[in-house]
Every structure is written in C-alpha cells, then in structure tokens.
Amino acid sequence: MFQAALVTSHHNPILKTCAQRLQTAGKPHKVIVTAVARKLVTIANALCKSRQKGLLSQIEKYSC
C-alpha cells in the first residue's frame, strides 16, 4: 500500500494536490503517504461499492 500511495502522490493530479497541501502544512513524509494511502482505500471502496470503473471524474468526488 505504501508503494502505491507513494507513486500516486507523485503522479495522480488529484491526490498530488492533496499531498502538496499536507506538505505545505509541514506534515512529515510518512504522514503524507499514509493519508494518500487512506484516500486510495476510500476511493477503491467507493468504486467497488458503486460497481463503476475508476474514472478520473469519479475520483474527484472522493478527493481532498
């Protein structure tokens, strides 16, 4: 999960802004990656629950 969150925090435009917001707030790196991992789990759970594919427009509903 850590590796997926690390990659996502650098390459996903929506979760990247969330990670940058936490970084400017002075949060440690592990806290930022953990928060992104938690967002990924929330997004995956919501997409499975609604039985839809992971479209970027749907991910925006569950971001920061």
PDB file of N, CA and C in Angstrom:
ATOM      1  N   MET A   1       0.824  -1.183   0.000  1.00  0.00           N
ATOM      2  CA  MET A   1       0.000   0.000   0.000  1.00  0.00           C
ATOM      3  C   MET A   1       0.869   1.248   0.000  1.00  0.00           C
ATOM      4  N   PHE A   2       1.993   1.174   0.742  1.00  0.00           N
ATOM      5  CA  PHE A   2       2.896   2.320   0.824  1.00  0.00           C
ATOM      6  C   PHE A   2       3.420   2.686  -0.562  1.00  0.00           C
ATOM      7  N   GLN A   3       3.834   1.689  -1.326  1.00  0.00           N
ATOM      8  CA  GLN A   3       4.399   1.940  -2.655  1.00  0.00           C
ATOM      9  C   GLN A   3       3.348   2.525  -3.590  1.00  0.00           C
ATOM     10  N   ALA A   4       2.140   2.021  -3.538  1.00  0.00           N
ATOM     11  CA  ALA A   4       1.067   2.555  -4.388  1.00  0.00           C
ATOM     12  C   ALA A   4       0.749   3.994  -4.013  1.00  0.00           C
ATOM     13  N   ALA A   5       0.733   4.292  -2.728  1.00  0.00           N
ATOM     14  CA  ALA A   5       0.451   5.653  -2.279  1.00  0.00           C
ATOM     15  C   ALA A   5       1.586   6.597  -2.655  1.00  0.00           C
ATOM     16  N   LEU A   6       2.805   6.109  -2.594  1.00  0.00           N
ATOM     17  CA  LEU A   6       3.955   6.925  -2.949  1.00  0.00           C
ATOM     18  C   LEU A   6       3.913   7.315  -4.422  1.00  0.00           C
ATOM     19  N   VAL A   7       3.625   6.350  -5.280  1.00  0.00           N
ATOM     20  CA  VAL A   7       3.532   6.631  -6.714  1.00  0.00           C
ATOM     21  C   VAL A   7       2.344   7.547  -7.013  1.00  0.00           C
ATOM     22  N   THR A   8       1.230   7.282  -6.376  1.00  0.00           N
ATOM     23  CA  THR A   8       0.025   8.076  -6.598  1.00  0.00           C
ATOM     24  C   THR A   8       0.217   9.522  -6.168  1.00  0.00           C
ATOM     25  N   SER A   9       0.910   9.729  -5.065  1.00  0.00           N
ATOM     26  CA  SER A   9       1.107  11.093  -4.578  1.00  0.00           C
ATOM     27  C   SER A   9       1.998  11.912  -5.492  1.00  0.00           C
ATOM     28  N   HIS A  10       2.703  11.241  -6.388  1.00  0.00           N
ATOM     29  CA  HIS A  10       3.557  11.958  -7.341  1.00  0.00           C
ATOM     30  C   HIS A  10       2.934  12.080  -8.729  1.00  0.00           C
ATOM     31  N   HIS A  11       2.048  11.171  -9.104  1.00  0.00           N
ATOM     32  CA  HIS A  11       1.577  11.123 -10.484  1.00  0.00           C
ATOM     33  C   HIS A  11       0.086  11.379 -10.673  1.00  0.00           C
ATOM     34  N   ASN A  12      -0.741  11.150  -9.679  1.00  0.00           N
ATOM     35  CA  ASN A  12      -2.174  11.406  -9.811  1.00  0.00           C
ATOM     36  C   ASN A  12      -2.423  12.883  -9.525  1.00  0.00           C
ATOM     37  N   PRO A  13      -2.986  13.623 -10.487  1.00  0.00           N
ATOM     38  CA  PRO A  13      -3.131  15.074 -10.302  1.00  0.00           C
ATOM     39  C   PRO A  13      -4.035  15.465  -9.131  1.00  0.00           C
ATOM     40  N   ILE A  14      -5.015  14.657  -8.828  1.00  0.00           N
ATOM     41  CA  ILE A  14      -5.943  14.994  -7.744  1.00  0.00           C
ATOM     42  C   ILE A  14      -5.308  14.728  -6.382  1.00  0.00           C
ATOM     43  N   LEU A  15      -4.742  13.546  -6.223  1.00  0.00           N
ATOM     44  CA  LEU A  15      -4.126  13.212  -4.946  1.00  0.00           C
ATOM     45  C   LEU A  15      -2.778  13.901  -4.762  1.00  0.00           C
ATOM     46  N   LYS A  16      -2.184  14.341  -5.855  1.00  0.00           N
ATOM     47  CA  LYS A  16      -0.936  15.104  -5.770  1.00  0.00           C
ATOM     48  C   LYS A  16      -1.185  16.442  -5.086  1.00  0.00           C
ATOM     49  N   THR A  17      -2.304  17.084  -5.407  1.00  0.00           N
ATOM     50  CA  THR A  17      -2.625  18.355  -4.753  1.00  0.00           C
ATOM     51  C   THR A  17      -2.898  18.153  -3.268  1.00  0.00           C
ATOM     52  N   CYS A  18      -3.504  17.043  -2.931  1.00  0.00           N
ATOM     53  CA  CYS A  18      -3.745  16.719  -1.524  1.00  0.00           C
ATOM     54  C   CYS A  18      -2.416  16.534  -0.797  1.00  0.00           C
ATOM     55  N   ALA A  19      -1.486  15.830  -1.411  1.00  0.00           N
ATOM     56  CA  ALA A  19      -0.175  15.607  -0.810  1.00  0.00           C
ATOM     57  C   ALA A  19       0.597  16.919  -0.683  1.00  0.00           C
ATOM     58  N   GLN A  20       0.496  17.773  -1.686  1.00  0.00           N
ATOM     59  CA  GLN A  20       1.181  19.061  -1.629  1.00  0.00           C
ATOM     60  C   GLN A  20       0.590  19.951  -0.542  1.00  0.00           C
ATOM     61  N   ARG A  21      -0.710  19.881  -0.349  1.00  0.00           N
ATOM     62  CA  ARG A  21      -1.360  20.669   0.698  1.00  0.00           C
ATOM     63  C   ARG A  21      -0.859  20.236   2.073  1.00  0.00           C
ATOM     64  N   LEU A  22      -0.717  18.930   2.268  1.00  0.00           N
ATOM     65  CA  LEU A  22      -0.205  18.426   3.540  1.00  0.00           C
ATOM     66  C   LEU A  22       1.267  18.793   3.728  1.00  0.00           C
ATOM     67  N   GLN A  23       2.020  18.798   2.634  1.00  0.00           N
ATOM     68  CA  GLN A  23       3.434  19.138   2.701  1.00  0.00           C
ATOM     69  C   GLN A  23       3.623  20.609   3.078  1.00  0.00           C
ATOM     70  N   THR A  24       2.809  21.477   2.513  1.00  0.00           N
ATOM     71  CA  THR A  24       2.918  22.893   2.860  1.00  0.00           C
ATOM     72  C   THR A  24       2.464  23.156   4.295  1.00  0.00           C
ATOM     73  N   ALA A  25       1.648  22.267   4.837  1.00  0.00           N
ATOM     74  CA  ALA A  25       1.223  22.386   6.224  1.00  0.00           C
ATOM     75  C   ALA A  25       2.301  21.891   7.186  1.00  0.00           C
ATOM     76  N   GLY A  26       3.393  21.340   6.633  1.00  0.00           N
ATOM     77  CA  GLY A  26       4.507  20.917   7.458  1.00  0.00           C
ATOM     78  C   GLY A  26       4.410  19.505   7.994  1.00  0.00           C
ATOM     79  N   LYS A  27       3.590  18.680   7.375  1.00  0.00           N
ATOM     80  CA  LYS A  27       3.433  17.291   7.838  1.00  0.00           C
ATOM     81  C   LYS A  27       4.645  16.460   7.414  1.00  0.00           C
ATOM     82  N   PRO A  28       5.023  15.476   8.221  1.00  0.00           N
ATOM     83  CA  PRO A  28       6.123  14.577   7.845  1.00  0.00           C
ATOM     84  C   PRO A  28       5.753  13.708   6.639  1.00  0.00           C
ATOM     85  N   HIS A  29       6.801  13.201   5.971  1.00  0.00           N
ATOM     86  CA  HIS A  29       6.602  12.431   4.743  1.00  0.00           C
ATOM     87  C   HIS A  29       5.728  11.191   4.968  1.00  0.00           C
ATOM     88  N   LYS A  30       5.954  10.469   6.054  1.00  0.00           N
ATOM     89  CA  LYS A  30       5.163   9.260   6.317  1.00  0.00           C
ATOM     90  C   LYS A  30       3.692   9.589   6.548  1.00  0.00           C
ATOM     91  N   VAL A  31       3.420  10.717   7.167  1.00  0.00           N
ATOM     92  CA  VAL A  31       2.028  11.133   7.388  1.00  0.00           C
ATOM     93  C   VAL A  31       1.351  11.419   6.055  1.00  0.00           C
ATOM     94  N   ILE A  32       2.081  12.066   5.151  1.00  0.00           N
ATOM     95  CA  ILE A  32       1.533  12.390   3.833  1.00  0.00           C
ATOM     96  C   ILE A  32       1.223  11.109   3.062  1.00  0.00           C
ATOM     97  N   VAL A  33       2.160  10.180   3.033  1.00  0.00           N
ATOM     98  CA  VAL A  33       1.959   8.933   2.282  1.00  0.00           C
ATOM     99  C   VAL A  33       0.838   8.114   2.907  1.00  0.00           C
ATOM    100  N   THR A  34       0.748   8.108   4.224  1.00  0.00           N
ATOM    101  CA  THR A  34      -0.325   7.382   4.900  1.00  0.00           C
ATOM    102  C   THR A  34      -1.687   7.993   4.575  1.00  0.00           C
ATOM    103  N   ALA A  35      -1.761   9.313   4.513  1.00  0.00           N
ATOM    104  CA  ALA A  35      -3.022   9.979   4.172  1.00  0.00           C
ATOM    105  C   ALA A  35      -3.436   9.659   2.739  1.00  0.00           C
ATOM    106  N   VAL A  36      -2.469   9.645   1.827  1.00  0.00           N
ATOM    107  CA  VAL A  36      -2.771   9.295   0.434  1.00  0.00           C
ATOM    108  C   VAL A  36      -3.202   7.836   0.335  1.00  0.00           C
ATOM    109  N   ALA A  37      -2.560   6.953   1.087  1.00  0.00           N
ATOM    110  CA  ALA A  37      -2.951   5.537   1.085  1.00  0.00           C
ATOM    111  C   ALA A  37      -4.374   5.375   1.594  1.00  0.00           C
ATOM    112  N   ARG A  38      -4.709   6.122   2.620  1.00  0.00           N
ATOM    113  CA  ARG A  38      -6.074   6.053   3.151  1.00  0.00           C
ATOM    114  C   ARG A  38      -7.085   6.553   2.121  1.00  0.00           C
ATOM    115  N   LYS A  39      -6.730   7.615   1.401  1.00  0.00           N
ATOM    116  CA  LYS A  39      -7.611   8.119   0.338  1.00  0.00           C
ATOM    117  C   LYS A  39      -7.775   7.071  -0.757  1.00  0.00           C
ATOM    118  N   LEU A  40      -6.689   6.372  -1.097  1.00  0.00           N
ATOM    119  CA  LEU A  40      -6.778   5.321  -2.119  1.00  0.00           C
ATOM    120  C   LEU A  40      -7.726   4.213  -1.698  1.00  0.00           C
ATOM    121  N   VAL A  41      -7.646   3.811  -0.448  1.00  0.00           N
ATOM    122  CA  VAL A  41      -8.540   2.763   0.056  1.00  0.00           C
ATOM    123  C   VAL A  41      -9.985   3.247   0.012  1.00  0.00           C
ATOM    124  N   THR A  42     -10.212   4.501   0.397  1.00  0.00           N
ATOM    125  CA  THR A  42     -11.561   5.069   0.374  1.00  0.00           C
ATOM    126  C   THR A  42     -12.107   5.122  -1.045  1.00  0.00           C
ATOM    127  N   ILE A  43     -11.269   5.552  -1.984  1.00  0.00           N
ATOM    128  CA  ILE A  43     -11.692   5.633  -3.387  1.00  0.00           C
ATOM    129  C   ILE A  43     -11.994   4.242  -3.931  1.00  0.00           C
ATOM    130  N   ALA A  44     -11.103   3.280  -3.667  1.00  0.00           N
ATOM    131  CA  ALA A  44     -11.312   1.912  -4.153  1.00  0.00           C
ATOM    132  C   ALA A  44     -12.575   1.308  -3.564  1.00  0.00           C
ATOM    133  N   ASN A  45     -12.814   1.542  -2.293  1.00  0.00           N
ATOM    134  CA  ASN A  45     -14.009   1.022  -1.645  1.00  0.00           C
ATOM    135  C   ASN A  45     -15.269   1.640  -2.245  1.00  0.00           C
ATOM    136  N   ALA A  46     -15.252   2.937  -2.478  1.00  0.00           N
ATOM    137  CA  ALA A  46     -16.423   3.608  -3.049  1.00  0.00           C
ATOM    138  C   ALA A  46     -16.687   3.145  -4.478  1.00  0.00           C
ATOM    139  N   LEU A  47     -15.624   2.941  -5.247  1.00  0.00           N
ATOM    140  CA  LEU A  47     -15.801   2.479  -6.628  1.00  0.00           C
ATOM    141  C   LEU A  47     -16.315   1.039  -6.664  1.00  0.00           C
ATOM    142  N   CYS A  48     -15.835   0.198  -5.755  1.00  0.00           N
ATOM    143  CA  CYS A  48     -16.341  -1.179  -5.688  1.00  0.00           C
ATOM    144  C   CYS A  48     -17.796  -1.200  -5.232  1.00  0.00           C
ATOM    145  N   LYS A  49     -18.114  -0.342  -4.300  1.00  0.00           N
ATOM    146  CA  LYS A  49     -19.472  -0.292  -3.780  1.00  0.00           C
ATOM    147  C   LYS A  49     -20.459   0.155  -4.851  1.00  0.00           C
ATOM    148  N   SER A  50     -20.041   1.109  -5.683  1.00  0.00           N
ATOM    149  CA  SER A  50     -20.934   1.599  -6.731  1.00  0.00           C
ATOM    150  C   SER A  50     -20.798   0.799  -8.029  1.00  0.00           C
ATOM    151  N   ARG A  51     -19.855  -0.162  -8.045  1.00  0.00           N
ATOM    152  CA  ARG A  51     -19.629  -1.046  -9.198  1.00  0.00           C
ATOM    153  C   ARG A  51     -19.348  -0.273 -10.484  1.00  0.00           C
ATOM    154  N   GLN A  52     -18.522   0.749 -10.358  1.00  0.00           N
ATOM    155  CA  GLN A  52     -18.137   1.543 -11.525  1.00  0.00           C
ATOM    156  C   GLN A  52     -16.637   1.456 -11.717  1.00  0.00           C
ATOM    157  N   LYS A  53     -16.207   1.760 -12.924  1.00  0.00           N
ATOM    158  CA  LYS A  53     -14.787   1.757 -13.223  1.00  0.00           C
ATOM    159  C   LYS A  53     -14.169   3.062 -12.743  1.00  0.00           C
ATOM    160  N   GLY A  54     -12.869   3.039 -12.505  1.00  0.00           N
ATOM    161  CA  GLY A  54     -12.169   4.197 -11.951  1.00  0.00           C
ATOM    162  C   GLY A  54     -11.945   5.298 -12.958  1.00  0.00           C
ATOM    163  N   LEU A  55     -12.917   6.131 -13.129  1.00  0.00           N
ATOM    164  CA  LEU A  55     -12.762   7.277 -14.000  1.00  0.00           C
ATOM    165  C   LEU A  55     -12.286   8.469 -13.195  1.00  0.00           C
ATOM    166  N   LEU A  56     -11.541   9.335 -13.832  1.00  0.00           N
ATOM    167  CA  LEU A  56     -10.977  10.486 -13.141  1.00  0.00           C
ATOM    168  C   LEU A  56     -12.047  11.389 -12.563  1.00  0.00           C
ATOM    169  N   SER A  57     -13.163  11.536 -13.266  1.00  0.00           N
ATOM    170  CA  SER A  57     -14.241  12.405 -12.773  1.00  0.00           C
ATOM    171  C   SER A  57     -14.870  11.849 -11.503  1.00  0.00           C
ATOM    172  N   GLN A  58     -14.881  10.529 -11.369  1.00  0.00           N
ATOM    173  CA  GLN A  58     -15.469   9.920 -10.175  1.00  0.00           C
ATOM    174  C   GLN A  58     -14.508  10.005  -8.995  1.00  0.00           C
ATOM    175  N   ILE A  59     -13.222   9.972  -9.263  1.00  0.00           N
ATOM    176  CA  ILE A  59     -12.228  10.060  -8.204  1.00  0.00           C
ATOM    177  C   ILE A  59     -12.258  11.449  -7.570  1.00  0.00           C
ATOM    178  N   GLU A  60     -12.571  12.464  -8.344  1.00  0.00           N
ATOM    179  CA  GLU A  60     -12.617  13.828  -7.822  1.00  0.00           C
ATOM    180  C   GLU A  60     -13.629  13.973  -6.707  1.00  0.00           C
ATOM    181  N   LYS A  61     -14.689  13.168  -6.707  1.00  0.00           N
ATOM    182  CA  LYS A  61     -15.697  13.253  -5.645  1.00  0.00           C
ATOM    183  C   LYS A  61     -15.132  12.859  -4.296  1.00  0.00           C
ATOM    184  N   TYR A  62     -14.128  11.982  -4.299  1.00  0.00           N
ATOM    185  CA  TYR A  62     -13.621  11.429  -3.051  1.00  0.00           C
ATOM    186  C   TYR A  62     -12.277  12.015  -2.649  1.00  0.00           C
ATOM    187  N   SER A  63     -11.812  13.041  -3.346  1.00  0.00           N
ATOM    188  CA  SER A  63     -10.511  13.616  -3.012  1.00  0.00           C
ATOM    189  C   SER A  63     -10.646  14.666  -1.924  1.00  0.00           C
ATOM    190  N   CYS A  64      -9.543  15.306  -1.618  1.00  0.00           N
ATOM    191  CA  CYS A  64      -9.468  16.287  -0.516  1.00  0.00           C
ATOM    192  C   CYS A  64     -10.520  17.354  -0.592  1.00  0.00           C
TER     193      CYS A  64
END
